Amino acid sequence: MRELLIVGAGPAGLATAIAAQQAGLDYEVLEKGVLVNSIYRFPRHMVFFTTADLLEIGGLPFVTPYEKPTQIEGLRYYRRVTETFGLHITLGEEVRAVRAQSPGRDEARFRIETRREGEARVREARNVVAAVGYYDHPNFIGVSGEDLPHVSHYYGEAHASWKKQVVVVGGKNSAAIAALELFRSGATVTLVHRRDRLSDSIKYWIKPDIENRIKEGSIAARFGTCVVEIRPRSVVVQGSSGREEIPAEAVFLLTGYHPDPAFFEGAGVRVEPETLVPAHDPQTLETNVPGFYLAGSVVSGKHTGKIFIENGRFHGEAIVASILRSRGVNPRSLS
């Protein structure tokens, strides 16, 4: 049995592992994909929205010649973090369920059901940290054709869409960045958004670019318009002027993501149905299930714009301090 099992090897999970290691806790990180899996799945030419110092964990400097680091630099940095601290991480092991086995705070025990290389496994831990993020669960728009092979809820790179007719659905940063990259890579792009204008949350250096490309006609836009059907070579939309069929050889539904409430509810954690925020103490990050903690973006539920790497990286310290206090240890004595 581990003292602490951390689910997810993203920046928040890694920061929690560092805090646990420095406190002398017996811990392990389980990750179903690769190290910092969500960052790995980001667009290949993505540039972070923040400066390198705000992505640092464990006090290890993030050195870059650029004002804001790239996705490739982020991957390299978090590999270096893992190697520098010698973190205990098992990759390719998916946590399928967490079951609370004891209601008592001092006797909190969890049964963790996992799968690795097709083999079912069972682990036990005194405490569990869910640093699972939200990127695995896109917000489906619920229309016919959403599961067609040329439709994706993730944008990776533009090269494969060269000379193609592409529809991008969404009105925030991801959709704007994808539309711009696709246009500059030779695609014919139509941006479809259900609101009457682009989101104010689009970063200040991106928004003028996308607005100007739309204004000059380089990127077509359909505002106040909803997708009603996706066909093998077109997208049917409904707007104020009626129904329209837009040619589409590739479709990117960049409508956001959300955490998986079933994962938390299976462990007995209460989840607010409207916001998908798991019940938790904002100071300790402990949920209503003693010994079950949250780290990173899952803390904010479907409001994914509230918790980023730059603030989620501190969750691990609060969690480890809470675990130590539950054992009668003053966290300050370890500083």
C-alpha atoms as a PDB file:
ATOM      1  CA  MET A   1       0.000   0.000   0.000  1.00  0.00           C
ATOM      2  CA  ARG A   2       1.237   3.466  -0.896  1.00  0.00           C
ATOM      3  CA  GLU A   3       0.883   6.464   1.366  1.00  0.00           C
ATOM      4  CA  LEU A   4      -0.053   8.502  -1.690  1.00  0.00           C
ATOM      5  CA  LEU A   5      -1.082   7.599  -5.211  1.00  0.00           C
ATOM      6  CA  ILE A   6      -1.230  10.426  -7.758  1.00  0.00           C
ATOM      7  CA  VAL A   7      -3.393   9.961 -10.843  1.00  0.00           C
ATOM      8  CA  GLY A   8      -2.027  11.957 -13.762  1.00  0.00           C
ATOM      9  CA  ALA A   9       1.503  13.018 -14.739  1.00  0.00           C
ATOM     10  CA  GLY A  10       0.711  16.529 -15.898  1.00  0.00           C
ATOM     11  CA  PRO A  11       2.385  19.572 -14.326  1.00  0.00           C
ATOM     12  CA  ALA A  12       0.044  19.506 -11.296  1.00  0.00           C
ATOM     13  CA  GLY A  13       0.663  15.796 -10.751  1.00  0.00           C
ATOM     14  CA  LEU A  14       4.420  16.227 -11.095  1.00  0.00           C
ATOM     15  CA  ALA A  15       4.413  19.166  -8.669  1.00  0.00           C
ATOM     16  CA  THR A  16       2.488  17.043  -6.165  1.00  0.00           C
ATOM     17  CA  ALA A  17       5.010  14.232  -6.594  1.00  0.00           C
ATOM     18  CA  ILE A  18       7.887  16.623  -5.899  1.00  0.00           C
ATOM     19  CA  ALA A  19       6.186  17.885  -2.734  1.00  0.00           C
ATOM     20  CA  ALA A  20       5.498  14.310  -1.600  1.00  0.00           C
ATOM     21  CA  GLN A  21       9.076  13.249  -2.263  1.00  0.00           C
ATOM     22  CA  GLN A  22      10.514  16.204  -0.390  1.00  0.00           C
ATOM     23  CA  ALA A  23       8.245  15.357   2.564  1.00  0.00           C
ATOM     24  CA  GLY A  24       9.407  11.743   2.582  1.00  0.00           C
ATOM     25  CA  LEU A  25       6.040  10.259   1.625  1.00  0.00           C
ATOM     26  CA  ASP A  26       5.823   6.890  -0.119  1.00  0.00           C
ATOM     27  CA  TYR A  27       4.148   7.869  -3.383  1.00  0.00           C
ATOM     28  CA  GLU A  28       3.693   6.850  -6.995  1.00  0.00           C
ATOM     29  CA  VAL A  29       2.307   8.618 -10.067  1.00  0.00           C
ATOM     30  CA  LEU A  30       0.156   6.672 -12.520  1.00  0.00           C
ATOM     31  CA  GLU A  31      -0.346   8.034 -16.035  1.00  0.00           C
ATOM     32  CA  LYS A  32      -2.361   6.297 -18.728  1.00  0.00           C
ATOM     33  CA  GLY A  33      -0.579   8.080 -21.565  1.00  0.00           C
ATOM     34  CA  VAL A  34       2.810   9.726 -21.839  1.00  0.00           C
ATOM     35  CA  LEU A  35       4.465  12.234 -19.547  1.00  0.00           C
ATOM     36  CA  VAL A  36       2.473  15.516 -19.534  1.00  0.00           C
ATOM     37  CA  ASN A  37       0.056  13.831 -21.912  1.00  0.00           C
ATOM     38  CA  SER A  38      -2.189  16.851 -22.509  1.00  0.00           C
ATOM     39  CA  ILE A  39       0.736  19.086 -23.466  1.00  0.00           C
ATOM     40  CA  TYR A  40       1.952  16.328 -25.776  1.00  0.00           C
ATOM     41  CA  ARG A  41      -1.434  16.426 -27.540  1.00  0.00           C
ATOM     42  CA  PHE A  42      -1.442  20.205 -27.930  1.00  0.00           C
ATOM     43  CA  PRO A  43      -0.889  21.658 -31.424  1.00  0.00           C
ATOM     44  CA  ARG A  44       2.680  21.033 -32.563  1.00  0.00           C
ATOM     45  CA  HIS A  45       3.489  24.719 -33.089  1.00  0.00           C
ATOM     46  CA  MET A  46       1.658  25.927 -29.999  1.00  0.00           C
ATOM     47  CA  VAL A  47       3.168  28.703 -27.919  1.00  0.00           C
ATOM     48  CA  PHE A  48       2.178  28.853 -24.253  1.00  0.00           C
ATOM     49  CA  PHE A  49       0.083  31.823 -23.210  1.00  0.00           C
ATOM     50  CA  THR A  50       2.357  32.531 -20.252  1.00  0.00           C
ATOM     51  CA  THR A  51       6.041  33.077 -19.577  1.00  0.00           C
ATOM     52  CA  ALA A  52       8.414  30.240 -18.721  1.00  0.00           C
ATOM     53  CA  ASP A  53       8.881  31.197 -15.067  1.00  0.00           C
ATOM     54  CA  LEU A  54       5.160  30.658 -14.426  1.00  0.00           C
ATOM     55  CA  LEU A  55       5.410  27.086 -15.731  1.00  0.00           C
ATOM     56  CA  GLU A  56       8.254  26.115 -13.402  1.00  0.00           C
ATOM     57  CA  ILE A  57       7.788  23.441 -10.747  1.00  0.00           C
ATOM     58  CA  GLY A  58      10.095  22.274  -7.972  1.00  0.00           C
ATOM     59  CA  GLY A  59      12.184  25.423  -8.303  1.00  0.00           C
ATOM     60  CA  LEU A  60      13.870  24.093 -11.455  1.00  0.00           C
ATOM     61  CA  PRO A  61      14.481  26.960 -13.922  1.00  0.00           C
ATOM     62  CA  PHE A  62      12.728  26.815 -17.291  1.00  0.00           C
ATOM     63  CA  VAL A  63      15.259  28.350 -19.659  1.00  0.00           C
ATOM     64  CA  THR A  64      14.104  29.545 -23.082  1.00  0.00           C
ATOM     65  CA  PRO A  65      15.287  32.239 -25.505  1.00  0.00           C
ATOM     66  CA  TYR A  66      11.685  33.198 -26.228  1.00  0.00           C
ATOM     67  CA  GLU A  67       9.255  35.408 -24.342  1.00  0.00           C
ATOM     68  CA  LYS A  68       6.817  32.498 -24.193  1.00  0.00           C
ATOM     69  CA  PRO A  69       7.961  28.878 -24.564  1.00  0.00           C
ATOM     70  CA  THR A  70       6.788  26.466 -27.230  1.00  0.00           C
ATOM     71  CA  GLN A  71       5.066  23.119 -26.802  1.00  0.00           C
ATOM     72  CA  ILE A  72       8.306  21.302 -27.667  1.00  0.00           C
ATOM     73  CA  GLU A  73      10.182  23.263 -25.005  1.00  0.00           C
ATOM     74  CA  GLY A  74       7.470  22.435 -22.482  1.00  0.00           C
ATOM     75  CA  LEU A  75       7.822  18.724 -23.149  1.00  0.00           C
ATOM     76  CA  ARG A  76      11.595  18.976 -22.820  1.00  0.00           C
ATOM     77  CA  TYR A  77      11.326  20.922 -19.544  1.00  0.00           C
ATOM     78  CA  TYR A  78       8.960  18.498 -17.817  1.00  0.00           C
ATOM     79  CA  ARG A  79      11.121  15.550 -18.904  1.00  0.00           C
ATOM     80  CA  ARG A  80      14.052  17.307 -17.263  1.00  0.00           C
ATOM     81  CA  VAL A  81      12.018  17.900 -14.104  1.00  0.00           C
ATOM     82  CA  THR A  82      11.134  14.215 -13.883  1.00  0.00           C
ATOM     83  CA  GLU A  83      14.734  13.120 -14.413  1.00  0.00           C
ATOM     84  CA  THR A  84      16.233  15.729 -12.075  1.00  0.00           C
ATOM     85  CA  PHE A  85      14.016  14.752  -9.152  1.00  0.00           C
ATOM     86  CA  GLY A  86      13.938  11.048 -10.023  1.00  0.00           C
ATOM     87  CA  LEU A  87      10.155  10.969  -9.703  1.00  0.00           C
ATOM     88  CA  HIS A  88       8.394   7.627  -9.326  1.00  0.00           C
ATOM     89  CA  ILE A  89       6.118   7.497 -12.369  1.00  0.00           C
ATOM     90  CA  THR A  90       4.483   4.565 -14.123  1.00  0.00           C
ATOM     91  CA  LEU A  91       3.408   5.414 -17.664  1.00  0.00           C
ATOM     92  CA  GLY A  92       0.819   3.533 -19.676  1.00  0.00           C
ATOM     93  CA  GLU A  93      -1.221   2.476 -16.639  1.00  0.00           C
ATOM     94  CA  GLU A  94      -4.806   3.726 -16.722  1.00  0.00           C
ATOM     95  CA  VAL A  95      -6.737   4.219 -13.496  1.00  0.00           C
ATOM     96  CA  ARG A  96     -10.206   2.895 -14.240  1.00  0.00           C
ATOM     97  CA  ALA A  97     -11.775   3.463 -10.820  1.00  0.00           C
ATOM     98  CA  VAL A  98     -10.998   4.550  -7.275  1.00  0.00           C
ATOM     99  CA  ARG A  99     -13.043   2.973  -4.482  1.00  0.00           C
ATOM    100  CA  ALA A 100     -13.069   4.218  -0.900  1.00  0.00           C
ATOM    101  CA  GLN A 101     -12.779   1.251   1.461  1.00  0.00           C
ATOM    102  CA  SER A 102     -12.996   3.010   4.809  1.00  0.00           C
ATOM    103  CA  PRO A 103     -14.902   6.152   5.844  1.00  0.00           C
ATOM    104  CA  GLY A 104     -12.614   7.081   8.728  1.00  0.00           C
ATOM    105  CA  ARG A 105     -10.151   9.917   8.222  1.00  0.00           C
ATOM    106  CA  ASP A 106      -7.352   8.164  10.097  1.00  0.00           C
ATOM    107  CA  GLU A 107      -8.030   4.871   8.337  1.00  0.00           C
ATOM    108  CA  ALA A 108      -8.717   6.139   4.849  1.00  0.00           C
ATOM    109  CA  ARG A 109      -7.929   3.383   2.383  1.00  0.00           C
ATOM    110  CA  PHE A 110      -8.539   3.312  -1.340  1.00  0.00           C
ATOM    111  CA  ARG A 111      -8.722   0.483  -3.795  1.00  0.00           C
ATOM    112  CA  ILE A 112      -7.451   1.636  -7.176  1.00  0.00           C
ATOM    113  CA  GLU A 113      -8.447  -0.428 -10.199  1.00  0.00           C
ATOM    114  CA  THR A 114      -6.057  -0.006 -13.120  1.00  0.00           C
ATOM    115  CA  ARG A 115      -5.229  -1.524 -16.475  1.00  0.00           C
ATOM    116  CA  ARG A 116      -1.845  -1.795 -18.136  1.00  0.00           C
ATOM    117  CA  GLU A 117      -1.079  -3.571 -21.409  1.00  0.00           C
ATOM    118  CA  GLY A 118      -4.492  -5.230 -21.254  1.00  0.00           C
ATOM    119  CA  GLU A 119      -3.936  -6.580 -17.753  1.00  0.00           C
ATOM    120  CA  ALA A 120      -6.251  -5.598 -14.888  1.00  0.00           C
ATOM    121  CA  ARG A 121      -4.485  -4.591 -11.683  1.00  0.00           C
ATOM    122  CA  VAL A 122      -5.475  -3.522  -8.191  1.00  0.00           C
ATOM    123  CA  ARG A 123      -3.523  -1.109  -6.013  1.00  0.00           C
ATOM    124  CA  GLU A 124      -4.132   0.315  -2.555  1.00  0.00           C
ATOM    125  CA  ALA A 125      -3.299   3.713  -1.128  1.00  0.00           C
ATOM    126  CA  ARG A 126      -3.947   5.695   2.020  1.00  0.00           C
ATOM    127  CA  ASN A 127      -4.421   8.908   0.035  1.00  0.00           C
ATOM    128  CA  VAL A 128      -5.253   9.624  -3.599  1.00  0.00           C
ATOM    129  CA  VAL A 129      -4.693  12.788  -5.634  1.00  0.00           C
ATOM    130  CA  ALA A 130      -6.703  13.210  -8.835  1.00  0.00           C
ATOM    131  CA  ALA A 131      -4.650  15.360 -11.203  1.00  0.00           C
ATOM    132  CA  VAL A 132      -6.495  14.082 -14.245  1.00  0.00           C
ATOM    133  CA  GLY A 133      -7.281  17.321 -16.082  1.00  0.00           C
ATOM    134  CA  TYR A 134     -10.103  17.543 -18.609  1.00  0.00           C
ATOM    135  CA  TYR A 135      -8.532  17.193 -22.056  1.00  0.00           C
ATOM    136  CA  ASP A 136      -9.727  13.605 -22.559  1.00  0.00           C
ATOM    137  CA  HIS A 137     -13.391  14.625 -22.526  1.00  0.00           C
ATOM    138  CA  PRO A 138     -14.477  17.013 -25.302  1.00  0.00           C
ATOM    139  CA  ASN A 139     -17.763  18.871 -25.215  1.00  0.00           C
ATOM    140  CA  PHE A 140     -19.735  17.033 -27.882  1.00  0.00           C
ATOM    141  CA  ILE A 141     -22.184  19.136 -29.869  1.00  0.00           C
ATOM    142  CA  GLY A 142     -24.556  16.197 -30.290  1.00  0.00           C
ATOM    143  CA  VAL A 143     -25.235  16.188 -34.017  1.00  0.00           C
ATOM    144  CA  SER A 144     -25.361  13.463 -36.626  1.00  0.00           C
ATOM    145  CA  GLY A 145     -21.958  12.843 -38.193  1.00  0.00           C
ATOM    146  CA  GLU A 146     -19.905  13.987 -35.218  1.00  0.00           C
ATOM    147  CA  ASP A 147     -18.170  10.602 -35.208  1.00  0.00           C
ATOM    148  CA  LEU A 148     -17.199  10.616 -38.897  1.00  0.00           C
ATOM    149  CA  PRO A 149     -13.497   9.960 -39.601  1.00  0.00           C
ATOM    150  CA  HIS A 150     -12.763  13.447 -40.937  1.00  0.00           C
ATOM    151  CA  VAL A 151     -14.142  15.065 -37.760  1.00  0.00           C
ATOM    152  CA  SER A 152     -11.954  15.744 -34.725  1.00  0.00           C
ATOM    153  CA  HIS A 153     -12.324  17.479 -31.367  1.00  0.00           C
ATOM    154  CA  TYR A 154      -8.567  18.081 -31.315  1.00  0.00           C
ATOM    155  CA  TYR A 155      -6.358  20.179 -33.546  1.00  0.00           C
ATOM    156  CA  GLY A 156      -2.760  19.057 -33.981  1.00  0.00           C
ATOM    157  CA  GLU A 157      -1.211  20.606 -37.074  1.00  0.00           C
ATOM    158  CA  ALA A 158      -2.218  22.128 -40.394  1.00  0.00           C
ATOM    159  CA  HIS A 159      -0.108  20.315 -42.988  1.00  0.00           C
ATOM    160  CA  ALA A 160      -2.608  17.496 -43.577  1.00  0.00           C
ATOM    161  CA  SER A 161      -5.266  20.093 -44.441  1.00  0.00           C
ATOM    162  CA  TRP A 162      -3.297  21.807 -47.213  1.00  0.00           C
ATOM    163  CA  LYS A 163      -5.573  22.653 -50.156  1.00  0.00           C
ATOM    164  CA  LYS A 164      -8.586  21.258 -48.295  1.00  0.00           C
ATOM    165  CA  GLN A 165     -11.871  22.902 -47.387  1.00  0.00           C
ATOM    166  CA  VAL A 166     -11.957  23.007 -43.602  1.00  0.00           C
ATOM    167  CA  VAL A 167     -14.636  23.987 -41.092  1.00  0.00           C
ATOM    168  CA  VAL A 168     -13.561  25.049 -37.601  1.00  0.00           C
ATOM    169  CA  VAL A 169     -16.295  25.219 -34.957  1.00  0.00           C
ATOM    170  CA  GLY A 170     -15.728  27.384 -31.881  1.00  0.00           C
ATOM    171  CA  GLY A 171     -15.035  30.962 -30.880  1.00  0.00           C
ATOM    172  CA  LYS A 172     -12.237  30.927 -28.317  1.00  0.00           C
ATOM    173  CA  ASN A 173      -8.450  30.628 -28.397  1.00  0.00           C
ATOM    174  CA  SER A 174      -8.206  27.081 -29.750  1.00  0.00           C
ATOM    175  CA  ALA A 175     -10.567  27.766 -32.638  1.00  0.00           C
ATOM    176  CA  ALA A 176      -8.912  31.078 -33.498  1.00  0.00           C
ATOM    177  CA  ILE A 177      -5.404  29.595 -33.476  1.00  0.00           C
ATOM    178  CA  ALA A 178      -6.470  26.605 -35.565  1.00  0.00           C
ATOM    179  CA  ALA A 179      -8.273  28.772 -38.119  1.00  0.00           C
ATOM    180  CA  LEU A 180      -5.248  31.032 -38.525  1.00  0.00           C
ATOM    181  CA  GLU A 181      -2.751  28.177 -38.861  1.00  0.00           C
ATOM    182  CA  LEU A 182      -4.955  26.318 -41.325  1.00  0.00           C
ATOM    183  CA  PHE A 183      -5.432  29.425 -43.454  1.00  0.00           C
ATOM    184  CA  ARG A 184      -1.685  30.123 -43.511  1.00  0.00           C
ATOM    185  CA  SER A 185      -1.003  26.516 -44.477  1.00  0.00           C
ATOM    186  CA  GLY A 186      -3.129  26.710 -47.597  1.00  0.00           C
ATOM    187  CA  ALA A 187      -6.530  25.512 -46.386  1.00  0.00           C
ATOM    188  CA  THR A 188      -9.828  27.182 -47.254  1.00  0.00           C
ATOM    189  CA  VAL A 189     -11.263  27.889 -43.813  1.00  0.00           C
ATOM    190  CA  THR A 190     -14.754  28.635 -42.551  1.00  0.00           C
ATOM    191  CA  LEU A 191     -15.150  29.471 -38.859  1.00  0.00           C
ATOM    192  CA  VAL A 192     -18.555  28.661 -37.344  1.00  0.00           C
ATOM    193  CA  HIS A 193     -19.537  30.042 -33.934  1.00  0.00           C
ATOM    194  CA  ARG A 194     -22.892  29.964 -32.184  1.00  0.00           C
ATOM    195  CA  ARG A 195     -22.343  33.375 -30.583  1.00  0.00           C
ATOM    196  CA  ASP A 196     -22.641  36.635 -32.505  1.00  0.00           C
ATOM    197  CA  ARG A 197     -18.950  37.446 -32.053  1.00  0.00           C
ATOM    198  CA  LEU A 198     -15.651  35.945 -30.977  1.00  0.00           C
ATOM    199  CA  SER A 199     -14.993  35.453 -27.279  1.00  0.00           C
ATOM    200  CA  ASP A 200     -13.393  38.273 -25.314  1.00  0.00           C
ATOM    201  CA  SER A 201     -11.143  35.627 -23.728  1.00  0.00           C
ATOM    202  CA  ILE A 202      -9.074  35.290 -26.915  1.00  0.00           C
ATOM    203  CA  LYS A 203      -5.530  36.479 -26.185  1.00  0.00           C
ATOM    204  CA  TYR A 204      -4.755  40.058 -27.150  1.00  0.00           C
ATOM    205  CA  TRP A 205      -2.077  39.098 -29.693  1.00  0.00           C
ATOM    206  CA  ILE A 206      -4.383  36.582 -31.423  1.00  0.00           C
ATOM    207  CA  LYS A 207      -7.697  38.415 -31.564  1.00  0.00           C
ATOM    208  CA  PRO A 208      -6.729  41.269 -33.941  1.00  0.00           C
ATOM    209  CA  ASP A 209      -5.180  38.733 -36.302  1.00  0.00           C
ATOM    210  CA  ILE A 210      -8.273  36.518 -36.557  1.00  0.00           C
ATOM    211  CA  GLU A 211     -10.614  39.524 -36.743  1.00  0.00           C
ATOM    212  CA  ASN A 212      -8.613  41.079 -39.570  1.00  0.00           C
ATOM    213  CA  ARG A 213      -8.454  37.815 -41.519  1.00  0.00           C
ATOM    214  CA  ILE A 214     -12.230  37.547 -41.244  1.00  0.00           C
ATOM    215  CA  LYS A 215     -12.727  41.207 -42.175  1.00  0.00           C
ATOM    216  CA  GLU A 216     -10.617  40.886 -45.323  1.00  0.00           C
ATOM    217  CA  GLY A 217     -12.330  37.633 -46.305  1.00  0.00           C
ATOM    218  CA  SER A 218      -9.283  35.377 -45.972  1.00  0.00           C
ATOM    219  CA  ILE A 219     -11.209  33.325 -43.426  1.00  0.00           C
ATOM    220  CA  ALA A 220     -14.972  32.968 -43.872  1.00  0.00           C
ATOM    221  CA  ALA A 221     -17.035  33.267 -40.698  1.00  0.00           C
ATOM    222  CA  ARG A 222     -20.564  32.319 -39.714  1.00  0.00           C
ATOM    223  CA  PHE A 223     -21.499  33.941 -36.410  1.00  0.00           C
ATOM    224  CA  GLY A 224     -24.760  33.271 -34.592  1.00  0.00           C
ATOM    225  CA  THR A 225     -24.732  29.933 -36.349  1.00  0.00           C
ATOM    226  CA  CYS A 226     -25.067  26.348 -35.087  1.00  0.00           C
ATOM    227  CA  VAL A 227     -24.024  23.076 -36.689  1.00  0.00           C
ATOM    228  CA  VAL A 228     -27.058  20.838 -37.255  1.00  0.00           C
ATOM    229  CA  GLU A 229     -25.465  17.983 -39.215  1.00  0.00           C
ATOM    230  CA  ILE A 230     -22.060  16.826 -40.422  1.00  0.00           C
ATOM    231  CA  ARG A 231     -21.947  14.957 -43.716  1.00  0.00           C
ATOM    232  CA  PRO A 232     -19.023  13.132 -45.377  1.00  0.00           C
ATOM    233  CA  ARG A 233     -18.088  16.192 -47.453  1.00  0.00           C
ATOM    234  CA  SER A 234     -20.015  19.075 -45.909  1.00  0.00           C
ATOM    235  CA  VAL A 235     -21.366  20.672 -42.747  1.00  0.00           C
ATOM    236  CA  VAL A 236     -24.983  21.806 -42.479  1.00  0.00           C
ATOM    237  CA  VAL A 237     -25.449  24.906 -40.333  1.00  0.00           C
ATOM    238  CA  GLN A 238     -28.397  27.000 -39.198  1.00  0.00           C
ATOM    239  CA  GLY A 239     -28.100  30.750 -38.798  1.00  0.00           C
ATOM    240  CA  SER A 240     -30.284  33.835 -38.842  1.00  0.00           C
ATOM    241  CA  SER A 241     -30.455  33.727 -42.637  1.00  0.00           C
ATOM    242  CA  GLY A 242     -31.522  30.105 -42.705  1.00  0.00           C
ATOM    243  CA  ARG A 243     -29.877  26.758 -43.351  1.00  0.00           C
ATOM    244  CA  GLU A 244     -26.620  26.473 -45.302  1.00  0.00           C
ATOM    245  CA  GLU A 245     -24.416  23.607 -46.444  1.00  0.00           C
ATOM    246  CA  ILE A 246     -20.683  24.366 -46.241  1.00  0.00           C
ATOM    247  CA  PRO A 247     -18.195  22.150 -48.116  1.00  0.00           C
ATOM    248  CA  ALA A 248     -15.830  20.426 -45.681  1.00  0.00           C
ATOM    249  CA  GLU A 249     -13.134  17.815 -46.153  1.00  0.00           C
ATOM    250  CA  ALA A 250     -11.998  18.227 -42.542  1.00  0.00           C
ATOM    251  CA  VAL A 251     -13.919  19.443 -39.495  1.00  0.00           C
ATOM    252  CA  PHE A 252     -12.449  20.582 -36.181  1.00  0.00           C
ATOM    253  CA  LEU A 253     -14.974  20.853 -33.341  1.00  0.00           C
ATOM    254  CA  LEU A 254     -13.011  22.996 -30.893  1.00  0.00           C
ATOM    255  CA  THR A 255     -15.834  23.551 -28.439  1.00  0.00           C
ATOM    256  CA  GLY A 256     -13.959  22.894 -25.211  1.00  0.00           C
ATOM    257  CA  TYR A 257     -13.484  20.054 -22.755  1.00  0.00           C
ATOM    258  CA  HIS A 258     -14.652  19.005 -19.310  1.00  0.00           C
ATOM    259  CA  PRO A 259     -13.600  16.680 -16.469  1.00  0.00           C
ATOM    260  CA  ASP A 260     -15.213  13.255 -16.119  1.00  0.00           C
ATOM    261  CA  PRO A 261     -17.727  13.394 -13.229  1.00  0.00           C
ATOM    262  CA  ALA A 262     -18.127   9.603 -13.199  1.00  0.00           C
ATOM    263  CA  PHE A 263     -14.511   9.175 -12.100  1.00  0.00           C
ATOM    264  CA  PHE A 264     -15.115  11.228  -8.960  1.00  0.00           C
ATOM    265  CA  GLU A 265     -18.609   9.956  -8.243  1.00  0.00           C
ATOM    266  CA  GLY A 266     -17.299   6.384  -8.361  1.00  0.00           C
ATOM    267  CA  ALA A 267     -15.076   7.242  -5.406  1.00  0.00           C
ATOM    268  CA  GLY A 268     -17.955   8.841  -3.498  1.00  0.00           C
ATOM    269  CA  VAL A 269     -16.968  12.427  -4.277  1.00  0.00           C
ATOM    270  CA  ARG A 270     -19.920  14.766  -4.680  1.00  0.00           C
ATOM    271  CA  VAL A 271     -19.917  16.656  -7.977  1.00  0.00           C
ATOM    272  CA  GLU A 272     -21.960  19.810  -8.535  1.00  0.00           C
ATOM    273  CA  PRO A 273     -24.061  18.901 -11.602  1.00  0.00           C
ATOM    274  CA  GLU A 274     -24.148  22.367 -13.153  1.00  0.00           C
ATOM    275  CA  THR A 275     -20.450  23.261 -12.872  1.00  0.00           C
ATOM    276  CA  LEU A 276     -18.957  19.741 -12.547  1.00  0.00           C
ATOM    277  CA  VAL A 277     -16.881  21.029  -9.631  1.00  0.00           C
ATOM    278  CA  PRO A 278     -16.051  18.207  -7.181  1.00  0.00           C
ATOM    279  CA  ALA A 279     -16.810  19.082  -3.558  1.00  0.00           C
ATOM    280  CA  HIS A 280     -13.552  20.106  -1.894  1.00  0.00           C
ATOM    281  CA  ASP A 281     -11.920  22.300   0.725  1.00  0.00           C
ATOM    282  CA  PRO A 282     -10.344  25.216  -1.175  1.00  0.00           C
ATOM    283  CA  GLN A 283      -7.463  25.391   1.295  1.00  0.00           C
ATOM    284  CA  THR A 284      -6.431  21.729   1.477  1.00  0.00           C
ATOM    285  CA  LEU A 285      -7.947  20.519  -1.836  1.00  0.00           C
ATOM    286  CA  GLU A 286      -9.401  17.527   0.039  1.00  0.00           C
ATOM    287  CA  THR A 287     -12.814  16.372  -1.190  1.00  0.00           C
ATOM    288  CA  ASN A 288     -15.755  15.214   0.902  1.00  0.00           C
ATOM    289  CA  VAL A 289     -14.111  11.768   0.837  1.00  0.00           C
ATOM    290  CA  PRO A 290     -11.300  11.857   3.417  1.00  0.00           C
ATOM    291  CA  GLY A 291      -7.934  11.290   1.820  1.00  0.00           C
ATOM    292  CA  PHE A 292      -9.117  11.993  -1.746  1.00  0.00           C
ATOM    293  CA  TYR A 293      -7.603  15.219  -3.093  1.00  0.00           C
ATOM    294  CA  LEU A 294      -7.780  17.318  -6.268  1.00  0.00           C
ATOM    295  CA  ALA A 295      -4.902  18.973  -8.105  1.00  0.00           C
ATOM    296  CA  GLY A 296      -4.820  21.118 -11.202  1.00  0.00           C
ATOM    297  CA  SER A 297      -7.639  22.060 -13.530  1.00  0.00           C
ATOM    298  CA  VAL A 298     -10.179  19.529 -12.195  1.00  0.00           C
ATOM    299  CA  VAL A 299     -10.625  21.853  -9.214  1.00  0.00           C
ATOM    300  CA  SER A 300     -12.652  24.274 -11.351  1.00  0.00           C
ATOM    301  CA  GLY A 301     -14.882  21.718 -13.090  1.00  0.00           C
ATOM    302  CA  LYS A 302     -16.083  22.774 -16.517  1.00  0.00           C
ATOM    303  CA  HIS A 303     -14.856  26.346 -15.947  1.00  0.00           C
ATOM    304  CA  THR A 304     -11.545  25.365 -17.481  1.00  0.00           C
ATOM    305  CA  GLY A 305     -10.305  28.923 -17.810  1.00  0.00           C
ATOM    306  CA  LYS A 306      -9.803  29.387 -14.056  1.00  0.00           C
ATOM    307  CA  ILE A 307      -6.998  26.970 -13.230  1.00  0.00           C
ATOM    308  CA  PHE A 308      -3.837  26.887 -15.325  1.00  0.00           C
ATOM    309  CA  ILE A 309      -0.360  25.462 -14.853  1.00  0.00           C
ATOM    310  CA  GLU A 310       0.706  28.743 -13.283  1.00  0.00           C
ATOM    311  CA  ASN A 311      -1.666  28.397 -10.300  1.00  0.00           C
ATOM    312  CA  GLY A 312      -2.334  24.640 -10.289  1.00  0.00           C
ATOM    313  CA  ARG A 313       1.382  23.965  -9.760  1.00  0.00           C
ATOM    314  CA  PHE A 314       1.019  25.021  -6.113  1.00  0.00           C
ATOM    315  CA  HIS A 315      -1.757  22.564  -5.273  1.00  0.00           C
ATOM    316  CA  GLY A 316       0.682  19.781  -4.426  1.00  0.00           C
ATOM    317  CA  GLU A 317       2.225  21.695  -1.551  1.00  0.00           C
ATOM    318  CA  ALA A 318      -1.179  22.301   0.046  1.00  0.00           C
ATOM    319  CA  ILE A 319      -2.159  18.652  -0.406  1.00  0.00           C
ATOM    320  CA  VAL A 320       1.031  17.255   1.100  1.00  0.00           C
ATOM    321  CA  ALA A 321       0.765  19.683   4.015  1.00  0.00           C
ATOM    322  CA  SER A 322      -2.766  18.406   4.688  1.00  0.00           C
ATOM    323  CA  ILE A 323      -1.608  14.780   4.572  1.00  0.00           C
ATOM    324  CA  LEU A 324       1.218  15.527   6.993  1.00  0.00           C
ATOM    325  CA  ARG A 325      -1.128  17.288   9.408  1.00  0.00           C
ATOM    326  CA  SER A 326      -3.450  14.272   9.309  1.00  0.00           C
ATOM    327  CA  ARG A 327      -0.471  12.220  10.509  1.00  0.00           C
ATOM    328  CA  GLY A 328       0.274  14.671  13.309  1.00  0.00           C
ATOM    329  CA  VAL A 329       3.307  16.143  11.546  1.00  0.00           C
ATOM    330  CA  ASN A 330       3.846  19.891  11.340  1.00  0.00           C
ATOM    331  CA  PRO A 331       4.623  20.661   7.670  1.00  0.00           C
ATOM    332  CA  ARG A 332       6.807  23.595   8.718  1.00  0.00           C
ATOM    333  CA  SER A 333       9.153  21.236  10.537  1.00  0.00           C
ATOM    334  CA  LEU A 334      10.171  19.838   7.130  1.00  0.00           C
ATOM    335  CA  SER A 335      10.921  23.214   5.553  1.00  0.00           C
END
